[in-house]
Amino acid sequence: MPRCFVTGCKSGYDSAKSAAEKRHFFKPPNETSRLQEWQHAIPRSDRELTSSCVVCDLHFQEADLVKNFVHNIRGDVVVIPRDKWSLKDDAVPRLFPNCLKYLSKPLRKRKAPAVRSPLQPKRRNVQDDAEQENTAPNTFDYGERDGSVSGSVTLDSTQSLFEELSTMAQEGRRLQGWSTELVDSVVQGRPPRRESPPA
């Protein structure tokens, strides 16, 4: 009698023979990809699964087993139990009751993804776009390190604020009321400290 390939399974051993329960054994598929799928599913690293090994019915989900012949005779469905069970084409051993619990969790079959319509682009408010174009450019006063104002910088929407602040920090100019310094490639800006109100 064949012995089950799965680690810890006693199906096929003399000590596990029982008249009440008949075990059914299945050979792995001959296709290389399906054979690798079985090898990956069975938690056994000491031996490689070959086409001469067998796996018993305890390790397959009920839906994967074909236990009956089903015939339609003159409109009547006739079900005849099989002596030798078979497997569905996509069956893979998934249940391992004698192994660690997490190894025998049956995998859920995924549903086909729902058909989705392509996303439509969001509508932009034309009035908001017009207002943004008409807004005045940003103007900043700058001064020397002693705090005196020596000029102003006007940035339009296309000019990079970072580039302008970097240039100002390198030249020692500063925004009115702010201190800036260039550290590596980052311009740090800090607001002035407020004096505490008199008590």
C-alpha atoms as a PDB file:
ATOM      1  CA  MET A   1       0.000   0.000   0.000  1.00  0.00           C
ATOM      2  CA  PRO A   2       1.350   3.506  -0.821  1.00  0.00           C
ATOM      3  CA  ARG A   3       2.288   5.949   1.912  1.00  0.00           C
ATOM      4  CA  CYS A   4       1.300   9.599   1.943  1.00  0.00           C
ATOM      5  CA  PHE A   5       4.133  12.015   1.068  1.00  0.00           C
ATOM      6  CA  VAL A   6       2.998  14.714   3.557  1.00  0.00           C
ATOM      7  CA  THR A   7       5.087  14.992   6.737  1.00  0.00           C
ATOM      8  CA  GLY A   8       3.323  13.593   9.804  1.00  0.00           C
ATOM      9  CA  CYS A   9       0.560  11.845   7.842  1.00  0.00           C
ATOM     10  CA  LYS A  10       0.166   8.151   8.738  1.00  0.00           C
ATOM     11  CA  SER A  11      -2.064   7.219   5.779  1.00  0.00           C
ATOM     12  CA  GLY A  12      -0.791   4.027   4.188  1.00  0.00           C
ATOM     13  CA  TYR A  13       1.157   2.831   7.241  1.00  0.00           C
ATOM     14  CA  ASP A  14       0.240  -0.508   8.830  1.00  0.00           C
ATOM     15  CA  SER A  15      -0.342   1.163  12.213  1.00  0.00           C
ATOM     16  CA  ALA A  16      -2.980   3.465  10.722  1.00  0.00           C
ATOM     17  CA  LYS A  17      -5.007   0.862   8.831  1.00  0.00           C
ATOM     18  CA  SER A  18      -8.671   0.966   9.679  1.00  0.00           C
ATOM     19  CA  ALA A  19     -11.511  -1.020   8.177  1.00  0.00           C
ATOM     20  CA  ALA A  20     -13.921   1.868   8.731  1.00  0.00           C
ATOM     21  CA  GLU A  21     -11.917   4.487   6.821  1.00  0.00           C
ATOM     22  CA  LYS A  22     -10.577   3.868   3.369  1.00  0.00           C
ATOM     23  CA  ARG A  23      -7.941   6.330   2.246  1.00  0.00           C
ATOM     24  CA  HIS A  24      -7.696   7.424  -1.371  1.00  0.00           C
ATOM     25  CA  PHE A  25      -4.293   8.326  -2.810  1.00  0.00           C
ATOM     26  CA  PHE A  26      -3.500  10.666  -5.680  1.00  0.00           C
ATOM     27  CA  LYS A  27      -0.354  11.013  -7.784  1.00  0.00           C
ATOM     28  CA  PRO A  28       0.922  14.516  -8.450  1.00  0.00           C
ATOM     29  CA  PRO A  29       0.432  15.945 -11.939  1.00  0.00           C
ATOM     30  CA  ASN A  30       3.062  15.334 -14.621  1.00  0.00           C
ATOM     31  CA  GLU A  31       3.188  18.964 -15.773  1.00  0.00           C
ATOM     32  CA  THR A  32       6.259  20.709 -14.355  1.00  0.00           C
ATOM     33  CA  SER A  33       4.426  23.895 -13.346  1.00  0.00           C
ATOM     34  CA  ARG A  34       1.631  21.999 -11.547  1.00  0.00           C
ATOM     35  CA  LEU A  35       4.164  19.663  -9.896  1.00  0.00           C
ATOM     36  CA  GLN A  36       6.045  22.705  -8.556  1.00  0.00           C
ATOM     37  CA  GLU A  37       2.752  24.130  -7.282  1.00  0.00           C
ATOM     38  CA  TRP A  38       2.147  20.924  -5.294  1.00  0.00           C
ATOM     39  CA  GLN A  39       5.758  20.893  -4.038  1.00  0.00           C
ATOM     40  CA  HIS A  40       5.406  24.491  -2.855  1.00  0.00           C
ATOM     41  CA  ALA A  41       2.074  23.780  -1.128  1.00  0.00           C
ATOM     42  CA  ILE A  42       3.268  20.691   0.793  1.00  0.00           C
ATOM     43  CA  PRO A  43       5.366  21.653   3.859  1.00  0.00           C
ATOM     44  CA  ARG A  44       8.246  19.249   3.367  1.00  0.00           C
ATOM     45  CA  SER A  45      11.843  20.298   2.737  1.00  0.00           C
ATOM     46  CA  ASP A  46      13.762  17.032   3.287  1.00  0.00           C
ATOM     47  CA  ARG A  47      12.476  15.311   0.141  1.00  0.00           C
ATOM     48  CA  GLU A  48      11.398  16.468  -3.274  1.00  0.00           C
ATOM     49  CA  LEU A  49       7.977  15.549  -4.612  1.00  0.00           C
ATOM     50  CA  THR A  50       8.172  13.359  -7.716  1.00  0.00           C
ATOM     51  CA  SER A  51       5.563  11.794  -9.966  1.00  0.00           C
ATOM     52  CA  SER A  52       6.000   8.460  -8.133  1.00  0.00           C
ATOM     53  CA  CYS A  53       4.909   9.930  -4.745  1.00  0.00           C
ATOM     54  CA  VAL A  54       1.292   9.961  -3.564  1.00  0.00           C
ATOM     55  CA  VAL A  55      -0.814  12.285  -1.406  1.00  0.00           C
ATOM     56  CA  CYS A  56      -3.936  11.092   0.416  1.00  0.00           C
ATOM     57  CA  ASP A  57      -7.421  12.612   0.310  1.00  0.00           C
ATOM     58  CA  LEU A  58      -7.072  14.152   3.809  1.00  0.00           C
ATOM     59  CA  HIS A  59      -4.989  16.973   2.331  1.00  0.00           C
ATOM     60  CA  PHE A  60      -7.500  18.182  -0.251  1.00  0.00           C
ATOM     61  CA  GLN A  61     -10.545  20.355   0.192  1.00  0.00           C
ATOM     62  CA  GLU A  62     -13.886  18.638  -0.279  1.00  0.00           C
ATOM     63  CA  ALA A  63     -14.588  20.718  -3.401  1.00  0.00           C
ATOM     64  CA  ASP A  64     -11.405  19.375  -5.059  1.00  0.00           C
ATOM     65  CA  LEU A  65     -12.465  15.703  -4.779  1.00  0.00           C
ATOM     66  CA  VAL A  66     -14.648  13.920  -7.344  1.00  0.00           C
ATOM     67  CA  LYS A  67     -16.333  11.105  -5.364  1.00  0.00           C
ATOM     68  CA  ASN A  68     -19.271  10.237  -7.625  1.00  0.00           C
ATOM     69  CA  PHE A  69     -20.175   9.546 -11.222  1.00  0.00           C
ATOM     70  CA  VAL A  70     -23.074  11.790 -12.232  1.00  0.00           C
ATOM     71  CA  HIS A  71     -25.176  10.718 -15.225  1.00  0.00           C
ATOM     72  CA  ASN A  72     -28.306  12.101 -16.796  1.00  0.00           C
ATOM     73  CA  ILE A  73     -30.526   9.247 -17.987  1.00  0.00           C
ATOM     74  CA  ARG A  74     -33.748  10.327 -19.726  1.00  0.00           C
ATOM     75  CA  GLY A  75     -33.912  13.508 -17.660  1.00  0.00           C
ATOM     76  CA  ASP A  76     -33.164  11.799 -14.335  1.00  0.00           C
ATOM     77  CA  VAL A  77     -29.853  12.514 -12.614  1.00  0.00           C
ATOM     78  CA  VAL A  78     -28.202   9.290 -11.451  1.00  0.00           C
ATOM     79  CA  VAL A  79     -25.342   9.490  -8.925  1.00  0.00           C
ATOM     80  CA  ILE A  80     -23.078   6.447  -8.550  1.00  0.00           C
ATOM     81  CA  PRO A  81     -20.328   6.438  -5.889  1.00  0.00           C
ATOM     82  CA  ARG A  82     -16.826   5.885  -7.263  1.00  0.00           C
ATOM     83  CA  ASP A  83     -14.533   3.186  -5.905  1.00  0.00           C
ATOM     84  CA  LYS A  84     -11.516   5.227  -6.926  1.00  0.00           C
ATOM     85  CA  TRP A  85     -11.878   8.951  -6.359  1.00  0.00           C
ATOM     86  CA  SER A  86     -10.274  11.514  -8.645  1.00  0.00           C
ATOM     87  CA  LEU A  87      -9.223  15.142  -8.389  1.00  0.00           C
ATOM     88  CA  LYS A  88     -10.352  18.207 -10.268  1.00  0.00           C
ATOM     89  CA  ASP A  89      -7.782  19.603 -12.697  1.00  0.00           C
ATOM     90  CA  ASP A  90      -6.851  22.603 -10.518  1.00  0.00           C
ATOM     91  CA  ALA A  91      -6.709  20.689  -7.191  1.00  0.00           C
ATOM     92  CA  VAL A  92      -3.723  21.394  -4.918  1.00  0.00           C
ATOM     93  CA  PRO A  93      -3.163  19.870  -1.447  1.00  0.00           C
ATOM     94  CA  ARG A  94      -4.004  22.583   1.102  1.00  0.00           C
ATOM     95  CA  LEU A  95      -4.970  20.838   4.364  1.00  0.00           C
ATOM     96  CA  PHE A  96      -2.280  19.498   6.696  1.00  0.00           C
ATOM     97  CA  PRO A  97      -3.898  18.468  10.010  1.00  0.00           C
ATOM     98  CA  ASN A  98      -0.715  16.878  11.420  1.00  0.00           C
ATOM     99  CA  CYS A  99       1.438  19.951  10.762  1.00  0.00           C
ATOM    100  CA  LEU A 100       1.511  23.423  12.283  1.00  0.00           C
ATOM    101  CA  LYS A 101      -1.850  25.169  12.206  1.00  0.00           C
ATOM    102  CA  TYR A 102      -0.832  28.050   9.938  1.00  0.00           C
ATOM    103  CA  LEU A 103       0.306  25.612   7.226  1.00  0.00           C
ATOM    104  CA  SER A 104      -3.157  24.154   6.759  1.00  0.00           C
ATOM    105  CA  LYS A 105      -5.169  27.313   6.278  1.00  0.00           C
ATOM    106  CA  PRO A 106      -7.099  26.837   3.063  1.00  0.00           C
ATOM    107  CA  LEU A 107      -6.416  29.560   0.542  1.00  0.00           C
ATOM    108  CA  ARG A 108      -9.419  31.568  -0.492  1.00  0.00           C
ATOM    109  CA  LYS A 109     -10.122  31.611  -4.168  1.00  0.00           C
ATOM    110  CA  ARG A 110     -10.193  35.145  -5.464  1.00  0.00           C
ATOM    111  CA  LYS A 111     -13.062  36.485  -7.465  1.00  0.00           C
ATOM    112  CA  ALA A 112     -12.381  37.991 -10.849  1.00  0.00           C
ATOM    113  CA  PRO A 113     -11.815  41.746 -10.576  1.00  0.00           C
ATOM    114  CA  ALA A 114     -14.812  43.925 -11.282  1.00  0.00           C
ATOM    115  CA  VAL A 115     -14.803  45.781 -14.566  1.00  0.00           C
ATOM    116  CA  ARG A 116     -14.263  49.433 -13.852  1.00  0.00           C
ATOM    117  CA  SER A 117     -14.862  52.334 -16.161  1.00  0.00           C
ATOM    118  CA  PRO A 118     -11.882  54.632 -16.672  1.00  0.00           C
ATOM    119  CA  LEU A 119     -11.699  57.607 -14.342  1.00  0.00           C
ATOM    120  CA  GLN A 120     -12.984  60.846 -15.777  1.00  0.00           C
ATOM    121  CA  PRO A 121     -10.783  63.886 -15.305  1.00  0.00           C
ATOM    122  CA  LYS A 122     -11.965  66.257 -12.614  1.00  0.00           C
ATOM    123  CA  ARG A 123     -13.537  69.480 -13.784  1.00  0.00           C
ATOM    124  CA  ARG A 124     -11.612  72.576 -12.957  1.00  0.00           C
ATOM    125  CA  ASN A 125     -13.370  75.745 -12.023  1.00  0.00           C
ATOM    126  CA  VAL A 126     -12.627  78.189 -14.861  1.00  0.00           C
ATOM    127  CA  GLN A 127     -13.284  81.178 -12.627  1.00  0.00           C
ATOM    128  CA  ASP A 128     -10.631  80.040 -10.087  1.00  0.00           C
ATOM    129  CA  ASP A 129      -8.050  79.635 -12.869  1.00  0.00           C
ATOM    130  CA  ALA A 130      -8.712  83.152 -14.119  1.00  0.00           C
ATOM    131  CA  GLU A 131      -8.364  84.585 -10.606  1.00  0.00           C
ATOM    132  CA  GLN A 132      -5.031  82.836 -10.086  1.00  0.00           C
ATOM    133  CA  GLU A 133      -3.639  84.294 -13.294  1.00  0.00           C
ATOM    134  CA  ASN A 134      -4.764  87.795 -12.342  1.00  0.00           C
ATOM    135  CA  THR A 135      -3.329  87.781  -8.828  1.00  0.00           C
ATOM    136  CA  ALA A 136      -0.403  90.050  -8.190  1.00  0.00           C
ATOM    137  CA  PRO A 137       3.027  88.459  -7.911  1.00  0.00           C
ATOM    138  CA  ASN A 138       4.517  87.930  -4.450  1.00  0.00           C
ATOM    139  CA  THR A 139       6.664  90.817  -3.223  1.00  0.00           C
ATOM    140  CA  PHE A 140       9.164  90.473  -0.374  1.00  0.00           C
ATOM    141  CA  ASP A 141      11.243  93.182   1.260  1.00  0.00           C
ATOM    142  CA  TYR A 142      14.821  92.277   2.015  1.00  0.00           C
ATOM    143  CA  GLY A 143      17.507  93.919   4.028  1.00  0.00           C
ATOM    144  CA  GLU A 144      20.996  93.668   5.389  1.00  0.00           C
ATOM    145  CA  ARG A 145      22.066  91.704   8.469  1.00  0.00           C
ATOM    146  CA  ASP A 146      21.833  94.839  10.613  1.00  0.00           C
ATOM    147  CA  GLY A 147      18.066  94.980   9.982  1.00  0.00           C
ATOM    148  CA  SER A 148      17.877  97.886   7.537  1.00  0.00           C
ATOM    149  CA  VAL A 149      15.638  97.480   4.491  1.00  0.00           C
ATOM    150  CA  SER A 150      17.607  97.798   1.294  1.00  0.00           C
ATOM    151  CA  GLY A 151      15.151  96.661  -1.404  1.00  0.00           C
ATOM    152  CA  SER A 152      12.374  94.347  -2.420  1.00  0.00           C
ATOM    153  CA  VAL A 153      12.113  91.221  -4.572  1.00  0.00           C
ATOM    154  CA  THR A 154       9.114  90.436  -6.721  1.00  0.00           C
ATOM    155  CA  LEU A 155       8.542  86.807  -7.655  1.00  0.00           C
ATOM    156  CA  ASP A 156       6.240  85.868 -10.492  1.00  0.00           C
ATOM    157  CA  SER A 157       4.608  82.440 -10.597  1.00  0.00           C
ATOM    158  CA  THR A 158       7.350  80.960 -12.797  1.00  0.00           C
ATOM    159  CA  GLN A 159      10.304  81.976 -10.646  1.00  0.00           C
ATOM    160  CA  SER A 160      11.459  79.536  -7.998  1.00  0.00           C
ATOM    161  CA  LEU A 161      11.098  80.778  -4.450  1.00  0.00           C
ATOM    162  CA  PHE A 162      13.798  78.387  -3.290  1.00  0.00           C
ATOM    163  CA  GLU A 163      16.324  79.726  -5.804  1.00  0.00           C
ATOM    164  CA  GLU A 164      15.617  83.308  -4.786  1.00  0.00           C
ATOM    165  CA  LEU A 165      15.868  82.524  -1.059  1.00  0.00           C
ATOM    166  CA  SER A 166      19.124  80.602  -1.638  1.00  0.00           C
ATOM    167  CA  THR A 167      20.622  83.548  -3.494  1.00  0.00           C
ATOM    168  CA  MET A 168      19.511  85.963  -0.774  1.00  0.00           C
ATOM    169  CA  ALA A 169      20.991  83.770   1.981  1.00  0.00           C
ATOM    170  CA  GLN A 170      24.336  83.473   0.160  1.00  0.00           C
ATOM    171  CA  GLU A 171      24.529  87.239  -0.404  1.00  0.00           C
ATOM    172  CA  GLY A 172      23.645  88.022   3.203  1.00  0.00           C
ATOM    173  CA  ARG A 173      20.317  89.655   2.340  1.00  0.00           C
ATOM    174  CA  ARG A 174      17.299  88.707   4.413  1.00  0.00           C
ATOM    175  CA  LEU A 175      13.525  88.976   4.293  1.00  0.00           C
ATOM    176  CA  GLN A 176      12.170  91.812   6.374  1.00  0.00           C
ATOM    177  CA  GLY A 177      11.446  90.385   9.814  1.00  0.00           C
ATOM    178  CA  TRP A 178      12.917  86.956   8.990  1.00  0.00           C
ATOM    179  CA  SER A 179      16.366  85.499   9.353  1.00  0.00           C
ATOM    180  CA  THR A 180      17.540  83.081   6.652  1.00  0.00           C
ATOM    181  CA  GLU A 181      20.594  80.909   6.351  1.00  0.00           C
ATOM    182  CA  LEU A 182      21.666  78.351   3.758  1.00  0.00           C
ATOM    183  CA  VAL A 183      22.515  74.957   5.284  1.00  0.00           C
ATOM    184  CA  ASP A 184      23.647  72.423   2.650  1.00  0.00           C
ATOM    185  CA  SER A 185      20.804  72.646   0.128  1.00  0.00           C
ATOM    186  CA  VAL A 186      18.098  73.830   2.524  1.00  0.00           C
ATOM    187  CA  VAL A 187      17.144  77.418   3.223  1.00  0.00           C
ATOM    188  CA  GLN A 188      16.052  77.783   6.815  1.00  0.00           C
ATOM    189  CA  GLY A 189      13.805  80.675   7.680  1.00  0.00           C
ATOM    190  CA  ARG A 190      12.744  81.741  11.161  1.00  0.00           C
ATOM    191  CA  PRO A 191      10.295  84.475  12.161  1.00  0.00           C
ATOM    192  CA  PRO A 192      11.617  87.126  14.542  1.00  0.00           C
ATOM    193  CA  ARG A 193      11.131  86.564  18.257  1.00  0.00           C
ATOM    194  CA  ARG A 194       8.413  88.619  19.826  1.00  0.00           C
ATOM    195  CA  GLU A 195       9.284  90.475  22.913  1.00  0.00           C
ATOM    196  CA  SER A 196       7.123  89.559  25.869  1.00  0.00           C
ATOM    197  CA  PRO A 197       4.607  92.263  26.847  1.00  0.00           C
ATOM    198  CA  PRO A 198       5.501  94.314  29.892  1.00  0.00           C
ATOM    199  CA  ALA A 199       3.961  93.036  33.070  1.00  0.00           C
END
